[in-house]
C-alpha atoms as a PDB file:
ATOM      1  CA  MET A   1      74.658  10.712  22.694  1.00  0.00           C
ATOM      2  CA  SER A   2      73.485  13.976  20.953  1.00  0.00           C
ATOM      3  CA  ARG A   3      75.031  17.294  21.273  1.00  0.00           C
ATOM      4  CA  VAL A   4      73.241  20.540  22.325  1.00  0.00           C
ATOM      5  CA  ILE A   5      75.178  23.126  20.099  1.00  0.00           C
ATOM      6  CA  TYR A   6      74.375  26.889  20.574  1.00  0.00           C
ATOM      7  CA  SER A   7      75.263  28.181  16.925  1.00  0.00           C
ATOM      8  CA  VAL A   8      75.322  31.697  16.661  1.00  0.00           C
ATOM      9  CA  ALA A   9      76.321  34.872  14.488  1.00  0.00           C
ATOM     10  CA  SER A  10      78.121  37.609  16.447  1.00  0.00           C
ATOM     11  CA  SER A  11      79.493  41.018  15.626  1.00  0.00           C
ATOM     12  CA  LEU A  12      83.314  41.455  16.629  1.00  0.00           C
ATOM     13  CA  ASP A  13      81.840  43.052  19.703  1.00  0.00           C
ATOM     14  CA  GLY A  14      79.875  40.349  20.554  1.00  0.00           C
ATOM     15  CA  TYR A  15      76.236  41.137  19.663  1.00  0.00           C
ATOM     16  CA  ASN A  16      73.920  38.990  17.399  1.00  0.00           C
ATOM     17  CA  THR A  17      71.824  41.970  16.531  1.00  0.00           C
ATOM     18  CA  ASP A  18      72.371  45.689  16.809  1.00  0.00           C
ATOM     19  CA  ALA A  19      70.712  48.181  18.938  1.00  0.00           C
ATOM     20  CA  GLN A  20      67.670  48.393  16.563  1.00  0.00           C
ATOM     21  CA  GLY A  21      67.452  44.620  16.057  1.00  0.00           C
ATOM     22  CA  ASP A  22      68.818  44.409  12.692  1.00  0.00           C
ATOM     23  CA  PHE A  23      71.038  41.682  11.605  1.00  0.00           C
ATOM     24  CA  SER A  24      71.831  42.437   8.018  1.00  0.00           C
ATOM     25  CA  TRP A  25      75.636  42.702   8.523  1.00  0.00           C
ATOM     26  CA  ALA A  26      75.742  39.203   9.383  1.00  0.00           C
ATOM     27  CA  TYR A  27      74.541  38.031   5.981  1.00  0.00           C
ATOM     28  CA  PRO A  28      76.718  35.151   5.450  1.00  0.00           C
ATOM     29  CA  GLY A  29      77.236  34.728   1.576  1.00  0.00           C
ATOM     30  CA  GLU A  30      77.300  31.647  -0.395  1.00  0.00           C
ATOM     31  CA  GLU A  31      80.574  29.956   0.823  1.00  0.00           C
ATOM     32  CA  VAL A  32      79.487  30.430   4.343  1.00  0.00           C
ATOM     33  CA  ILE A  33      75.867  29.199   3.660  1.00  0.00           C
ATOM     34  CA  ALA A  34      77.580  26.058   2.262  1.00  0.00           C
ATOM     35  CA  ALA A  35      79.902  25.457   5.142  1.00  0.00           C
ATOM     36  CA  LEU A  36      76.615  25.866   7.563  1.00  0.00           C
ATOM     37  CA  THR A  37      74.582  23.605   5.343  1.00  0.00           C
ATOM     38  CA  ALA A  38      77.493  20.976   5.453  1.00  0.00           C
ATOM     39  CA  ASP A  39      77.506  21.278   9.403  1.00  0.00           C
ATOM     40  CA  ILE A  40      73.680  20.993   9.776  1.00  0.00           C
ATOM     41  CA  GLY A  41      74.029  17.395   8.281  1.00  0.00           C
ATOM     42  CA  GLU A  42      74.429  16.169  11.615  1.00  0.00           C
ATOM     43  CA  VAL A  43      71.667  18.129  13.221  1.00  0.00           C
ATOM     44  CA  SER A  44      68.290  16.688  13.471  1.00  0.00           C
ATOM     45  CA  THR A  45      66.562  19.094  15.818  1.00  0.00           C
ATOM     46  CA  TYR A  46      66.496  22.921  16.310  1.00  0.00           C
ATOM     47  CA  LEU A  47      65.485  24.456  19.669  1.00  0.00           C
ATOM     48  CA  TYR A  48      64.136  28.085  19.115  1.00  0.00           C
ATOM     49  CA  GLY A  49      62.608  31.047  20.938  1.00  0.00           C
ATOM     50  CA  ARG A  50      59.592  32.540  19.583  1.00  0.00           C
ATOM     51  CA  ARG A  51      61.507  35.675  17.754  1.00  0.00           C
ATOM     52  CA  MET A  52      64.079  33.047  16.219  1.00  0.00           C
ATOM     53  CA  TYR A  53      61.175  30.718  15.189  1.00  0.00           C
ATOM     54  CA  GLU A  54      59.304  33.597  13.527  1.00  0.00           C
ATOM     55  CA  THR A  55      62.504  34.584  11.666  1.00  0.00           C
ATOM     56  CA  MET A  56      63.467  31.009  10.324  1.00  0.00           C
ATOM     57  CA  ALA A  57      59.762  29.805   9.779  1.00  0.00           C
ATOM     58  CA  GLY A  58      60.641  31.559   6.265  1.00  0.00           C
ATOM     59  CA  TRP A  59      62.531  28.984   5.250  1.00  0.00           C
ATOM     60  CA  GLU A  60      59.603  26.704   4.715  1.00  0.00           C
ATOM     61  CA  THR A  61      56.688  29.193   4.547  1.00  0.00           C
ATOM     62  CA  ASP A  62      58.271  31.744   1.911  1.00  0.00           C
ATOM     63  CA  PRO A  63      59.505  30.233  -1.378  1.00  0.00           C
ATOM     64  CA  ALA A  64      61.735  33.403  -1.758  1.00  0.00           C
ATOM     65  CA  PHE A  65      64.004  32.393   0.970  1.00  0.00           C
ATOM     66  CA  ALA A  66      64.859  29.137  -0.840  1.00  0.00           C
ATOM     67  CA  ALA A  67      64.895  30.999  -4.111  1.00  0.00           C
ATOM     68  CA  GLN A  68      67.684  33.337  -3.548  1.00  0.00           C
ATOM     69  CA  THR A  69      70.815  30.994  -4.490  1.00  0.00           C
ATOM     70  CA  PRO A  70      71.406  27.319  -5.186  1.00  0.00           C
ATOM     71  CA  GLU A  71      72.980  27.245  -1.595  1.00  0.00           C
ATOM     72  CA  SER A  72      70.053  28.796   0.073  1.00  0.00           C
ATOM     73  CA  ALA A  73      67.756  26.071  -1.798  1.00  0.00           C
ATOM     74  CA  ARG A  74      70.075  23.437  -0.067  1.00  0.00           C
ATOM     75  CA  TRP A  75      69.751  25.187   3.395  1.00  0.00           C
ATOM     76  CA  ALA A  76      65.894  25.069   2.989  1.00  0.00           C
ATOM     77  CA  THR A  77      65.658  21.676   2.280  1.00  0.00           C
ATOM     78  CA  ALA A  78      67.806  20.652   5.250  1.00  0.00           C
ATOM     79  CA  TRP A  79      66.154  22.986   7.544  1.00  0.00           C
ATOM     80  CA  GLN A  80      62.455  21.622   6.476  1.00  0.00           C
ATOM     81  CA  ALA A  81      63.567  18.077   7.111  1.00  0.00           C
ATOM     82  CA  ALA A  82      64.703  18.681  10.819  1.00  0.00           C
ATOM     83  CA  GLU A  83      62.360  18.797  13.821  1.00  0.00           C
ATOM     84  CA  LYS A  84      61.976  22.081  15.568  1.00  0.00           C
ATOM     85  CA  ILE A  85      60.896  22.801  19.267  1.00  0.00           C
ATOM     86  CA  VAL A  86      59.804  26.129  19.875  1.00  0.00           C
ATOM     87  CA  PHE A  87      59.824  27.632  23.417  1.00  0.00           C
ATOM     88  CA  SER A  88      57.417  30.286  24.005  1.00  0.00           C
ATOM     89  CA  LYS A  89      54.748  31.284  26.538  1.00  0.00           C
ATOM     90  CA  THR A  90      52.864  33.595  24.328  1.00  0.00           C
ATOM     91  CA  LEU A  91      52.602  31.498  20.754  1.00  0.00           C
ATOM     92  CA  THR A  92      49.222  29.704  20.425  1.00  0.00           C
ATOM     93  CA  GLU A  93      50.504  27.622  17.597  1.00  0.00           C
ATOM     94  CA  VAL A  94      53.346  26.883  15.324  1.00  0.00           C
ATOM     95  CA  TRP A  95      52.886  26.924  11.605  1.00  0.00           C
ATOM     96  CA  THR A  96      55.647  24.945  10.284  1.00  0.00           C
ATOM     97  CA  LYS A  97      55.880  20.920   9.689  1.00  0.00           C
ATOM     98  CA  ARG A  98      57.827  18.698  12.269  1.00  0.00           C
ATOM     99  CA  THR A  99      57.390  21.834  14.744  1.00  0.00           C
ATOM    100  CA  ARG A 100      56.102  21.464  18.214  1.00  0.00           C
ATOM    101  CA  LEU A 101      55.372  24.149  21.056  1.00  0.00           C
ATOM    102  CA  GLU A 102      56.807  23.910  24.670  1.00  0.00           C
ATOM    103  CA  ARG A 103      56.123  26.675  27.216  1.00  0.00           C
ATOM    104  CA  GLU A 104      59.445  26.430  29.025  1.00  0.00           C
ATOM    105  CA  LEU A 105      63.100  25.562  28.210  1.00  0.00           C
ATOM    106  CA  THR A 106      64.064  23.101  31.173  1.00  0.00           C
ATOM    107  CA  ALA A 107      66.749  20.432  31.314  1.00  0.00           C
ATOM    108  CA  GLU A 108      64.013  17.706  31.336  1.00  0.00           C
ATOM    109  CA  VAL A 109      62.547  19.026  28.124  1.00  0.00           C
ATOM    110  CA  VAL A 110      66.225  19.289  26.556  1.00  0.00           C
ATOM    111  CA  GLU A 111      67.180  15.661  27.870  1.00  0.00           C
ATOM    112  CA  GLN A 112      63.888  14.221  26.246  1.00  0.00           C
ATOM    113  CA  ALA A 113      64.646  15.969  22.973  1.00  0.00           C
ATOM    114  CA  ARG A 114      68.311  14.562  23.090  1.00  0.00           C
ATOM    115  CA  GLU A 115      66.734  11.109  23.595  1.00  0.00           C
ATOM    116  CA  GLU A 116      64.650  11.465  20.768  1.00  0.00           C
ATOM    117  CA  ALA A 117      66.964  12.899  18.405  1.00  0.00           C
ATOM    118  CA  THR A 118      68.500  11.239  15.630  1.00  0.00           C
ATOM    119  CA  GLY A 119      71.595  13.777  15.551  1.00  0.00           C
ATOM    120  CA  ASP A 120      72.600  16.952  17.312  1.00  0.00           C
ATOM    121  CA  LEU A 121      70.474  19.633  18.697  1.00  0.00           C
ATOM    122  CA  THR A 122      70.973  23.334  18.116  1.00  0.00           C
ATOM    123  CA  VAL A 123      69.790  26.044  20.288  1.00  0.00           C
ATOM    124  CA  GLU A 124      69.331  29.198  18.307  1.00  0.00           C
ATOM    125  CA  GLY A 125      69.121  32.757  19.292  1.00  0.00           C
ATOM    126  CA  PRO A 126      70.692  34.595  22.348  1.00  0.00           C
ATOM    127  CA  ALA A 127      67.736  34.687  24.512  1.00  0.00           C
ATOM    128  CA  LEU A 128      67.084  30.839  24.470  1.00  0.00           C
ATOM    129  CA  ALA A 129      70.657  30.245  24.436  1.00  0.00           C
ATOM    130  CA  HIS A 130      71.257  32.079  27.300  1.00  0.00           C
ATOM    131  CA  SER A 131      69.065  29.839  29.426  1.00  0.00           C
ATOM    132  CA  ALA A 132      70.163  26.656  27.955  1.00  0.00           C
ATOM    133  CA  LEU A 133      73.864  28.045  28.863  1.00  0.00           C
ATOM    134  CA  ARG A 134      72.615  28.789  32.310  1.00  0.00           C
ATOM    135  CA  LEU A 135      70.829  25.375  32.848  1.00  0.00           C
ATOM    136  CA  GLY A 136      74.178  23.697  31.498  1.00  0.00           C
ATOM    137  CA  VAL A 137      72.657  21.686  28.737  1.00  0.00           C
ATOM    138  CA  VAL A 138      75.106  23.180  25.997  1.00  0.00           C
ATOM    139  CA  ASP A 139      77.962  20.944  24.941  1.00  0.00           C
ATOM    140  CA  VAL A 140      79.378  23.135  22.214  1.00  0.00           C
ATOM    141  CA  VAL A 141      79.347  26.725  21.519  1.00  0.00           C
ATOM    142  CA  GLU A 142      80.046  27.667  17.651  1.00  0.00           C
ATOM    143  CA  ILE A 143      80.140  31.155  16.875  1.00  0.00           C
ATOM    144  CA  LEU A 144      80.393  33.097  13.497  1.00  0.00           C
ATOM    145  CA  ILE A 145      82.155  36.027  14.114  1.00  0.00           C
ATOM    146  CA  CYS A 146      81.276  38.804  11.529  1.00  0.00           C
ATOM    147  CA  PRO A 147      83.461  41.526  10.250  1.00  0.00           C
ATOM    148  CA  ALA A 148      81.312  44.157  11.879  1.00  0.00           C
ATOM    149  CA  ILE A 149      81.231  46.243  15.149  1.00  0.00           C
ATOM    150  CA  VAL A 150      77.869  47.017  15.849  1.00  0.00           C
ATOM    151  CA  GLY A 151      78.280  48.848  19.407  1.00  0.00           C
ATOM    152  CA  GLY A 152      75.183  47.438  21.156  1.00  0.00           C
ATOM    153  CA  GLY A 153      72.405  45.285  20.878  1.00  0.00           C
ATOM    154  CA  ALA A 154      71.409  41.553  21.963  1.00  0.00           C
ATOM    155  CA  PRO A 155      74.466  40.008  23.377  1.00  0.00           C
ATOM    156  CA  VAL A 156      75.728  36.578  22.012  1.00  0.00           C
ATOM    157  CA  LEU A 157      76.412  35.396  25.730  1.00  0.00           C
ATOM    158  CA  PRO A 158      75.057  35.978  28.867  1.00  0.00           C
ATOM    159  CA  ASP A 159      76.769  38.399  31.722  1.00  0.00           C
ATOM    160  CA  GLY A 160      77.983  36.364  34.910  1.00  0.00           C
ATOM    161  CA  LEU A 161      78.292  33.237  32.913  1.00  0.00           C
ATOM    162  CA  ARG A 162      81.453  31.257  33.469  1.00  0.00           C
ATOM    163  CA  LEU A 163      82.441  28.431  31.160  1.00  0.00           C
ATOM    164  CA  ASP A 164      85.696  26.521  30.390  1.00  0.00           C
ATOM    165  CA  LEU A 165      85.911  25.814  26.870  1.00  0.00           C
ATOM    166  CA  SER A 166      88.299  23.838  24.426  1.00  0.00           C
ATOM    167  CA  LEU A 167      88.906  24.758  20.732  1.00  0.00           C
ATOM    168  CA  GLN A 168      87.599  22.209  18.433  1.00  0.00           C
ATOM    169  CA  ARG A 169      87.773  23.930  15.056  1.00  0.00           C
ATOM    170  CA  GLU A 170      88.367  27.361  13.656  1.00  0.00           C
ATOM    171  CA  ARG A 171      87.170  28.154   9.968  1.00  0.00           C
ATOM    172  CA  ARG A 172      88.271  31.241   8.032  1.00  0.00           C
ATOM    173  CA  PHE A 173      86.063  32.659   4.972  1.00  0.00           C
ATOM    174  CA  SER A 174      86.717  34.780   2.286  1.00  0.00           C
ATOM    175  CA  ASN A 175      84.275  37.586   3.029  1.00  0.00           C
ATOM    176  CA  GLY A 176      86.028  37.963   6.593  1.00  0.00           C
ATOM    177  CA  MET A 177      83.765  35.757   8.655  1.00  0.00           C
ATOM    178  CA  VAL A 178      85.401  33.203  11.356  1.00  0.00           C
ATOM    179  CA  GLN A 179      83.650  30.262  12.638  1.00  0.00           C
ATOM    180  CA  LEU A 180      85.025  29.076  16.152  1.00  0.00           C
ATOM    181  CA  THR A 181      83.866  25.728  17.750  1.00  0.00           C
ATOM    182  CA  TYR A 182      84.367  25.151  21.379  1.00  0.00           C
ATOM    183  CA  ALA A 183      83.529  22.151  23.265  1.00  0.00           C
ATOM    184  CA  VAL A 184      82.276  22.893  26.765  1.00  0.00           C
ATOM    185  CA  ARG A 185      84.456  21.409  29.665  1.00  0.00           C
END
């Protein structure tokens, strides 16, 4: 059965973006992009909220994204090959291939996506992930800890959530980032 993975970059103090919405401090570099690209080899479907979709769509719509580095080009190819489901009450359409629009994240929609998937699913962006975590549909929490303290912003994990986790993998990168992968028990 396909797993639902919450994959997120986080400051050391637990934020995905700072108070101004900036996440440039989380730029991964070539080594980390290569590792993340290898990880998504098992991913066939991305679950996005509106903001994350608008950010990630550039991997298909803006050739400059892929032109940055060889690893960026590999990432763009992998991203474009995957299915995308965008959850939004405000978008009227999506503009990338292999993408469909859903109005609301529900356990039923996630289970249908699991059944249709040929690999794992990732839920991207803290707002959507908070809902998925509360629905109990997340199987894996994977946090890329960045060597930065930003003092506030969008929290990686929702307040009031209690989950028991089991460490599955830890990876250190030369830029000071650390990736922690936990299975939800």
